[in-house]
PDB file of N, CA and C in Angstrom:
ATOM      1  N   MET A   1      -0.906  10.464 -23.069  1.00  0.00           N
ATOM      2  CA  MET A   1      -1.294   9.810 -22.422  1.00  0.00           C
ATOM      3  C   MET A   1      -2.658   9.895 -21.511  1.00  0.00           C
ATOM      4  N   ASP A   2      -3.217   8.869 -20.954  1.00  0.00           N
ATOM      5  CA  ASP A   2      -4.877   8.742 -21.300  1.00  0.00           C
ATOM      6  C   ASP A   2      -4.952   9.402 -19.550  1.00  0.00           C
ATOM      7  N   LYS A   3      -5.283  10.421 -19.011  1.00  0.00           N
ATOM      8  CA  LYS A   3      -5.381  10.805 -18.018  1.00  0.00           C
ATOM      9  C   LYS A   3      -6.811  10.314 -17.151  1.00  0.00           C
ATOM     10  N   THR A   4      -7.339  10.177 -18.242  1.00  0.00           N
ATOM     11  CA  THR A   4      -9.088   9.866 -17.478  1.00  0.00           C
ATOM     12  C   THR A   4      -8.814   8.319 -17.113  1.00  0.00           C
ATOM     13  N   LEU A   5      -8.130   7.649 -17.860  1.00  0.00           N
ATOM     14  CA  LEU A   5      -7.832   6.005 -17.325  1.00  0.00           C
ATOM     15  C   LEU A   5      -7.112   6.188 -16.074  1.00  0.00           C
ATOM     16  N   LEU A   6      -6.073   6.941 -15.916  1.00  0.00           N
ATOM     17  CA  LEU A   6      -5.379   7.261 -14.476  1.00  0.00           C
ATOM     18  C   LEU A   6      -5.985   7.406 -13.615  1.00  0.00           C
ATOM     19  N   ASN A   7      -6.879   8.339 -13.825  1.00  0.00           N
ATOM     20  CA  ASN A   7      -7.862   9.422 -12.738  1.00  0.00           C
ATOM     21  C   ASN A   7      -8.834   7.962 -12.603  1.00  0.00           C
ATOM     22  N   GLN A   8      -9.431   7.127 -13.265  1.00  0.00           N
ATOM     23  CA  GLN A   8      -9.959   5.737 -12.816  1.00  0.00           C
ATOM     24  C   GLN A   8      -9.326   4.817 -12.173  1.00  0.00           C
ATOM     25  N   PHE A   9      -8.263   4.667 -12.391  1.00  0.00           N
ATOM     26  CA  PHE A   9      -7.383   3.420 -12.120  1.00  0.00           C
ATOM     27  C   PHE A   9      -6.791   3.872 -10.254  1.00  0.00           C
ATOM     28  N   GLN A  10      -6.569   5.594 -10.170  1.00  0.00           N
ATOM     29  CA  GLN A  10      -6.364   5.647  -9.143  1.00  0.00           C
ATOM     30  C   GLN A  10      -7.232   5.681  -7.893  1.00  0.00           C
ATOM     31  N   ASN A  11      -8.694   5.600  -8.746  1.00  0.00           N
ATOM     32  CA  ASN A  11      -9.806   5.536  -7.594  1.00  0.00           C
ATOM     33  C   ASN A  11     -10.737   4.404  -7.616  1.00  0.00           C
ATOM     34  N   GLU A  12     -10.024   3.468  -8.378  1.00  0.00           N
ATOM     35  CA  GLU A  12     -10.471   1.841  -8.007  1.00  0.00           C
ATOM     36  C   GLU A  12      -9.333   1.487  -7.202  1.00  0.00           C
ATOM     37  N   PRO A  13      -9.488   1.819  -5.851  1.00  0.00           N
ATOM     38  CA  PRO A  13      -8.712   1.186  -4.718  1.00  0.00           C
ATOM     39  C   PRO A  13      -8.376  -0.242  -4.812  1.00  0.00           C
ATOM     40  N   PHE A  14      -9.528  -1.577  -4.793  1.00  0.00           N
ATOM     41  CA  PHE A  14      -9.250  -2.513  -5.080  1.00  0.00           C
ATOM     42  C   PHE A  14      -8.253  -3.410  -6.212  1.00  0.00           C
ATOM     43  N   VAL A  15      -8.712  -2.513  -7.431  1.00  0.00           N
ATOM     44  CA  VAL A  15      -7.836  -2.623  -8.876  1.00  0.00           C
ATOM     45  C   VAL A  15      -6.337  -1.917  -8.301  1.00  0.00           C
ATOM     46  N   ARG A  16      -6.373  -0.786  -8.221  1.00  0.00           N
ATOM     47  CA  ARG A  16      -5.224  -0.234  -7.751  1.00  0.00           C
ATOM     48  C   ARG A  16      -3.983  -1.060  -6.827  1.00  0.00           C
ATOM     49  N   GLU A  17      -4.399  -1.539  -5.915  1.00  0.00           N
ATOM     50  CA  GLU A  17      -3.640  -2.115  -5.013  1.00  0.00           C
ATOM     51  C   GLU A  17      -3.318  -3.715  -5.525  1.00  0.00           C
ATOM     52  N   ALA A  18      -4.469  -4.002  -6.162  1.00  0.00           N
ATOM     53  CA  ALA A  18      -4.151  -5.769  -6.774  1.00  0.00           C
ATOM     54  C   ALA A  18      -2.942  -5.815  -7.649  1.00  0.00           C
ATOM     55  N   VAL A  19      -3.120  -4.492  -8.681  1.00  0.00           N
ATOM     56  CA  VAL A  19      -1.937  -4.303  -9.819  1.00  0.00           C
ATOM     57  C   VAL A  19      -0.769  -4.459  -8.737  1.00  0.00           C
ATOM     58  N   LYS A  20      -0.460  -3.199  -7.695  1.00  0.00           N
ATOM     59  CA  LYS A  20       0.709  -2.996  -7.359  1.00  0.00           C
ATOM     60  C   LYS A  20       1.006  -3.972  -6.456  1.00  0.00           C
ATOM     61  N   ASP A  21       0.478  -4.643  -6.220  1.00  0.00           N
ATOM     62  CA  ASP A  21       0.980  -5.700  -5.212  1.00  0.00           C
ATOM     63  C   ASP A  21       1.348  -7.289  -6.095  1.00  0.00           C
ATOM     64  N   PHE A  22       0.912  -7.595  -7.243  1.00  0.00           N
ATOM     65  CA  PHE A  22       1.119  -8.456  -8.720  1.00  0.00           C
ATOM     66  C   PHE A  22       2.630  -7.790  -9.163  1.00  0.00           C
ATOM     67  N   PHE A  23       2.770  -6.504  -9.171  1.00  0.00           N
ATOM     68  CA  PHE A  23       4.020  -5.942  -9.628  1.00  0.00           C
ATOM     69  C   PHE A  23       5.341  -6.288  -8.372  1.00  0.00           C
ATOM     70  N   LEU A  24       4.608  -6.027  -7.184  1.00  0.00           N
ATOM     71  CA  LEU A  24       6.003  -6.204  -6.353  1.00  0.00           C
ATOM     72  C   LEU A  24       6.168  -7.538  -5.723  1.00  0.00           C
ATOM     73  N   ALA A  25       4.773  -8.439  -6.311  1.00  0.00           N
ATOM     74  CA  ALA A  25       5.171  -9.821  -5.888  1.00  0.00           C
ATOM     75  C   ALA A  25       6.197 -10.606  -7.202  1.00  0.00           C
ATOM     76  N   GLU A  26       5.798 -10.046  -8.266  1.00  0.00           N
ATOM     77  CA  GLU A  26       6.394 -10.862  -9.249  1.00  0.00           C
ATOM     78  C   GLU A  26       8.209 -10.536  -9.051  1.00  0.00           C
ATOM     79  N   MET A  27       8.450  -9.240  -8.578  1.00  0.00           N
ATOM     80  CA  MET A  27       9.848  -8.424  -8.378  1.00  0.00           C
ATOM     81  C   MET A  27      10.434  -9.482  -7.417  1.00  0.00           C
ATOM     82  N   ASP A  28       9.576  -9.702  -6.358  1.00  0.00           N
ATOM     83  CA  ASP A  28      10.074 -10.294  -5.273  1.00  0.00           C
ATOM     84  C   ASP A  28      10.470 -12.041  -5.628  1.00  0.00           C
ATOM     85  N   LYS A  29       9.699 -12.347  -6.316  1.00  0.00           N
ATOM     86  CA  LYS A  29      10.173 -13.947  -6.907  1.00  0.00           C
ATOM     87  C   LYS A  29      11.223 -13.957  -7.922  1.00  0.00           C
ATOM     88  N   LEU A  30      11.561 -12.265  -8.915  1.00  0.00           N
ATOM     89  CA  LEU A  30      12.494 -12.531  -9.370  1.00  0.00           C
ATOM     90  C   LEU A  30      14.132 -12.294  -8.828  1.00  0.00           C
ATOM     91  N   ALA A  31      13.854 -11.317  -7.245  1.00  0.00           N
ATOM     92  CA  ALA A  31      14.814 -11.101  -6.692  1.00  0.00           C
ATOM     93  C   ALA A  31      15.342 -12.517  -5.904  1.00  0.00           C
ATOM     94  N   LEU A  32      14.500 -12.964  -5.115  1.00  0.00           N
ATOM     95  CA  LEU A  32      14.469 -14.040  -4.427  1.00  0.00           C
ATOM     96  C   LEU A  32      15.849 -15.348  -5.416  1.00  0.00           C
ATOM     97  N   GLU A  33      15.136 -15.383  -6.783  1.00  0.00           N
ATOM     98  CA  GLU A  33      15.694 -15.930  -7.851  1.00  0.00           C
ATOM     99  C   GLU A  33      17.562 -15.733  -7.951  1.00  0.00           C
ATOM    100  N   ARG A  34      17.475 -14.282  -8.068  1.00  0.00           N
ATOM    101  CA  ARG A  34      18.575 -13.814  -8.271  1.00  0.00           C
ATOM    102  C   ARG A  34      19.743 -13.541  -6.991  1.00  0.00           C
ATOM    103  N   VAL A  35      18.846 -13.683  -6.013  1.00  0.00           N
ATOM    104  CA  VAL A  35      19.828 -13.674  -4.481  1.00  0.00           C
ATOM    105  C   VAL A  35      20.085 -15.251  -4.450  1.00  0.00           C
ATOM    106  N   TYR A  36      19.409 -16.687  -4.610  1.00  0.00           N
ATOM    107  CA  TYR A  36      19.820 -17.900  -4.790  1.00  0.00           C
ATOM    108  C   TYR A  36      21.141 -18.295  -5.786  1.00  0.00           C
ATOM    109  N   SER A  37      21.064 -17.208  -6.724  1.00  0.00           N
ATOM    110  CA  SER A  37      22.036 -17.706  -8.292  1.00  0.00           C
ATOM    111  C   SER A  37      23.590 -16.811  -7.568  1.00  0.00           C
ATOM    112  N   ARG A  38      23.318 -15.945  -6.806  1.00  0.00           N
ATOM    113  CA  ARG A  38      23.882 -14.989  -6.188  1.00  0.00           C
ATOM    114  C   ARG A  38      24.393 -13.989  -7.190  1.00  0.00           C
ATOM    115  N   GLY A  39      23.475 -13.620  -7.506  1.00  0.00           N
ATOM    116  CA  GLY A  39      23.496 -12.428  -9.074  1.00  0.00           C
ATOM    117  C   GLY A  39      22.722 -11.311  -8.324  1.00  0.00           C
ATOM    118  N   ASP A  40      23.198 -10.217  -9.264  1.00  0.00           N
ATOM    119  CA  ASP A  40      22.964  -8.813  -8.706  1.00  0.00           C
ATOM    120  C   ASP A  40      21.796  -8.156  -8.407  1.00  0.00           C
ATOM    121  N   THR A  41      21.155  -8.176  -7.438  1.00  0.00           N
ATOM    122  CA  THR A  41      19.952  -7.687  -7.368  1.00  0.00           C
ATOM    123  C   THR A  41      19.386  -5.969  -7.177  1.00  0.00           C
ATOM    124  N   GLN A  42      20.708  -5.009  -7.114  1.00  0.00           N
ATOM    125  CA  GLN A  42      20.675  -3.984  -7.426  1.00  0.00           C
ATOM    126  C   GLN A  42      19.591  -3.283  -8.435  1.00  0.00           C
ATOM    127  N   SER A  43      19.752  -3.516  -9.471  1.00  0.00           N
ATOM    128  CA  SER A  43      18.528  -3.298 -10.496  1.00  0.00           C
ATOM    129  C   SER A  43      17.118  -3.485 -10.011  1.00  0.00           C
ATOM    130  N   ILE A  44      16.869  -4.417  -9.089  1.00  0.00           N
ATOM    131  CA  ILE A  44      15.158  -4.744  -8.519  1.00  0.00           C
ATOM    132  C   ILE A  44      15.100  -3.781  -7.690  1.00  0.00           C
ATOM    133  N   ALA A  45      16.029  -3.724  -6.832  1.00  0.00           N
ATOM    134  CA  ALA A  45      16.014  -2.580  -5.686  1.00  0.00           C
ATOM    135  C   ALA A  45      15.272  -1.147  -6.354  1.00  0.00           C
ATOM    136  N   ASP A  46      16.321  -0.967  -7.285  1.00  0.00           N
ATOM    137  CA  ASP A  46      15.885   0.567  -8.068  1.00  0.00           C
ATOM    138  C   ASP A  46      14.557   0.177  -8.863  1.00  0.00           C
ATOM    139  N   ALA A  47      14.210  -0.923  -9.556  1.00  0.00           N
ATOM    140  CA  ALA A  47      12.731  -0.670 -10.105  1.00  0.00           C
ATOM    141  C   ALA A  47      11.716  -0.936  -8.811  1.00  0.00           C
ATOM    142  N   ARG A  48      11.848  -1.498  -7.948  1.00  0.00           N
ATOM    143  CA  ARG A  48      10.904  -1.349  -6.560  1.00  0.00           C
ATOM    144  C   ARG A  48      11.075  -0.044  -6.283  1.00  0.00           C
ATOM    145  N   GLU A  49      11.708   1.050  -5.875  1.00  0.00           N
ATOM    146  CA  GLU A  49      11.419   2.159  -6.138  1.00  0.00           C
ATOM    147  C   GLU A  49      10.653   3.046  -6.722  1.00  0.00           C
ATOM    148  N   VAL A  50      11.011   2.590  -8.066  1.00  0.00           N
ATOM    149  CA  VAL A  50      10.262   3.404  -9.111  1.00  0.00           C
ATOM    150  C   VAL A  50       8.757   3.191  -8.852  1.00  0.00           C
ATOM    151  N   ILE A  51       8.443   1.785  -8.678  1.00  0.00           N
ATOM    152  CA  ILE A  51       6.878   1.272  -8.657  1.00  0.00           C
ATOM    153  C   ILE A  51       6.329   2.063  -7.543  1.00  0.00           C
ATOM    154  N   GLU A  52       6.814   2.203  -6.528  1.00  0.00           N
ATOM    155  CA  GLU A  52       6.545   2.843  -5.001  1.00  0.00           C
ATOM    156  C   GLU A  52       6.218   4.433  -5.715  1.00  0.00           C
ATOM    157  N   ASN A  53       6.922   4.709  -6.242  1.00  0.00           N
ATOM    158  CA  ASN A  53       6.583   6.387  -6.744  1.00  0.00           C
ATOM    159  C   ASN A  53       5.971   6.536  -7.572  1.00  0.00           C
ATOM    160  N   VAL A  54       5.572   5.786  -8.473  1.00  0.00           N
ATOM    161  CA  VAL A  54       4.932   6.015  -9.402  1.00  0.00           C
ATOM    162  C   VAL A  54       3.486   6.070  -8.942  1.00  0.00           C
ATOM    163  N   PHE A  55       2.967   4.783  -7.626  1.00  0.00           N
ATOM    164  CA  PHE A  55       1.982   4.776  -7.206  1.00  0.00           C
ATOM    165  C   PHE A  55       1.843   5.655  -6.327  1.00  0.00           C
ATOM    166  N   ILE A  56       2.884   6.946  -5.599  1.00  0.00           N
ATOM    167  CA  ILE A  56       2.672   7.746  -5.082  1.00  0.00           C
ATOM    168  C   ILE A  56       2.137   8.995  -5.794  1.00  0.00           C
ATOM    169  N   THR A  57       2.970   8.998  -6.852  1.00  0.00           N
ATOM    170  CA  THR A  57       2.838   9.854  -7.883  1.00  0.00           C
ATOM    171  C   THR A  57       0.949  10.091  -8.318  1.00  0.00           C
ATOM    172  N   LEU A  58       0.951   8.955  -8.891  1.00  0.00           N
ATOM    173  CA  LEU A  58      -0.744   8.574  -8.995  1.00  0.00           C
ATOM    174  C   LEU A  58      -1.419   9.309  -7.933  1.00  0.00           C
ATOM    175  N   LYS A  59      -1.562   8.946  -6.626  1.00  0.00           N
ATOM    176  CA  LYS A  59      -2.305   9.493  -5.676  1.00  0.00           C
ATOM    177  C   LYS A  59      -1.997  10.778  -5.615  1.00  0.00           C
ATOM    178  N   GLU A  60      -1.085  11.294  -5.639  1.00  0.00           N
ATOM    179  CA  GLU A  60      -0.902  13.174  -5.505  1.00  0.00           C
ATOM    180  C   GLU A  60      -1.828  13.804  -7.049  1.00  0.00           C
ATOM    181  N   GLU A  61      -1.450  13.534  -8.192  1.00  0.00           N
ATOM    182  CA  GLU A  61      -2.153  13.905  -9.270  1.00  0.00           C
ATOM    183  C   GLU A  61      -3.189  13.373  -9.649  1.00  0.00           C
ATOM    184  N   PHE A  62      -4.034  12.154  -9.293  1.00  0.00           N
ATOM    185  CA  PHE A  62      -5.274  11.837  -9.319  1.00  0.00           C
ATOM    186  C   PHE A  62      -6.376  11.192  -8.731  1.00  0.00           C
ATOM    187  N   ASP A  63      -6.103  11.725  -7.357  1.00  0.00           N
ATOM    188  CA  ASP A  63      -6.682  11.423  -6.127  1.00  0.00           C
ATOM    189  C   ASP A  63      -8.046  12.041  -6.052  1.00  0.00           C
ATOM    190  N   LYS A  64      -9.209  11.354  -6.610  1.00  0.00           N
ATOM    191  CA  LYS A  64     -10.359  12.128  -6.537  1.00  0.00           C
ATOM    192  C   LYS A  64     -10.794  12.676  -4.640  1.00  0.00           C
ATOM    193  N   ASN A  65      -9.888  12.018  -3.643  1.00  0.00           N
ATOM    194  CA  ASN A  65     -10.567  12.716  -2.180  1.00  0.00           C
ATOM    195  C   ASN A  65      -9.272  14.006  -2.185  1.00  0.00           C
ATOM    196  N   LYS A  66      -8.534  14.387  -3.190  1.00  0.00           N
ATOM    197  CA  LYS A  66      -7.188  15.406  -2.638  1.00  0.00           C
ATOM    198  C   LYS A  66      -8.011  16.559  -2.749  1.00  0.00           C
ATOM    199  N   GLU A  67      -7.402  17.823  -1.629  1.00  0.00           N
ATOM    200  CA  GLU A  67      -8.117  18.722  -1.509  1.00  0.00           C
ATOM    201  C   GLU A  67      -7.573  19.783  -2.705  1.00  0.00           C
ATOM    202  N   LYS A  68      -8.755  20.310  -3.131  1.00  0.00           N
ATOM    203  CA  LYS A  68      -8.452  21.409  -4.443  1.00  0.00           C
ATOM    204  C   LYS A  68      -7.910  22.527  -3.704  1.00  0.00           C
ATOM    205  N   PRO A  69      -7.361  23.580  -4.114  1.00  0.00           N
ATOM    206  CA  PRO A  69      -6.605  24.612  -3.839  1.00  0.00           C
ATOM    207  C   PRO A  69      -8.072  25.588  -3.863  1.00  0.00           C
ATOM    208  N   VAL A  70      -7.521  26.603  -2.933  1.00  0.00           N
ATOM    209  CA  VAL A  70      -9.042  27.374  -2.641  1.00  0.00           C
ATOM    210  C   VAL A  70      -8.080  28.754  -3.514  1.00  0.00           C
ATOM    211  N   GLN A  71      -9.484  29.180  -3.985  1.00  0.00           N
ATOM    212  CA  GLN A  71      -9.082  30.408  -5.156  1.00  0.00           C
ATOM    213  C   GLN A  71      -9.653  31.429  -4.496  1.00  0.00           C
ATOM    214  N   ASN A  72      -8.799  32.537  -4.524  1.00  0.00           N
ATOM    215  CA  ASN A  72      -9.605  33.602  -4.011  1.00  0.00           C
ATOM    216  C   ASN A  72     -10.172  34.528  -5.131  1.00  0.00           C
ATOM    217  N   LEU A  73     -11.299  34.726  -4.389  1.00  0.00           N
ATOM    218  CA  LEU A  73     -12.401  34.914  -5.599  1.00  0.00           C
ATOM    219  C   LEU A  73     -12.476  36.226  -5.720  1.00  0.00           C
ATOM    220  N   ARG A  74     -11.864  37.345  -5.205  1.00  0.00           N
ATOM    221  CA  ARG A  74     -11.895  38.995  -5.006  1.00  0.00           C
ATOM    222  C   ARG A  74     -11.044  39.369  -6.235  1.00  0.00           C
TER     223      ARG A  74
END
């Protein structure tokens, strides 16, 4: 995994949000198709939760504005 690319992706808010919005919009289309065909939508709900959690994890691990832990220099 290229942490440099993930760091760059996280710190480009317009790109990050565009990708997230695209993923979720495509999932919404699939969910609507399944609802109309009376199909199971549980897997789509699960996938949406995974996507939301991925973007939370990206922020926690790669946000350039994240406070760095203070180290005691003594």
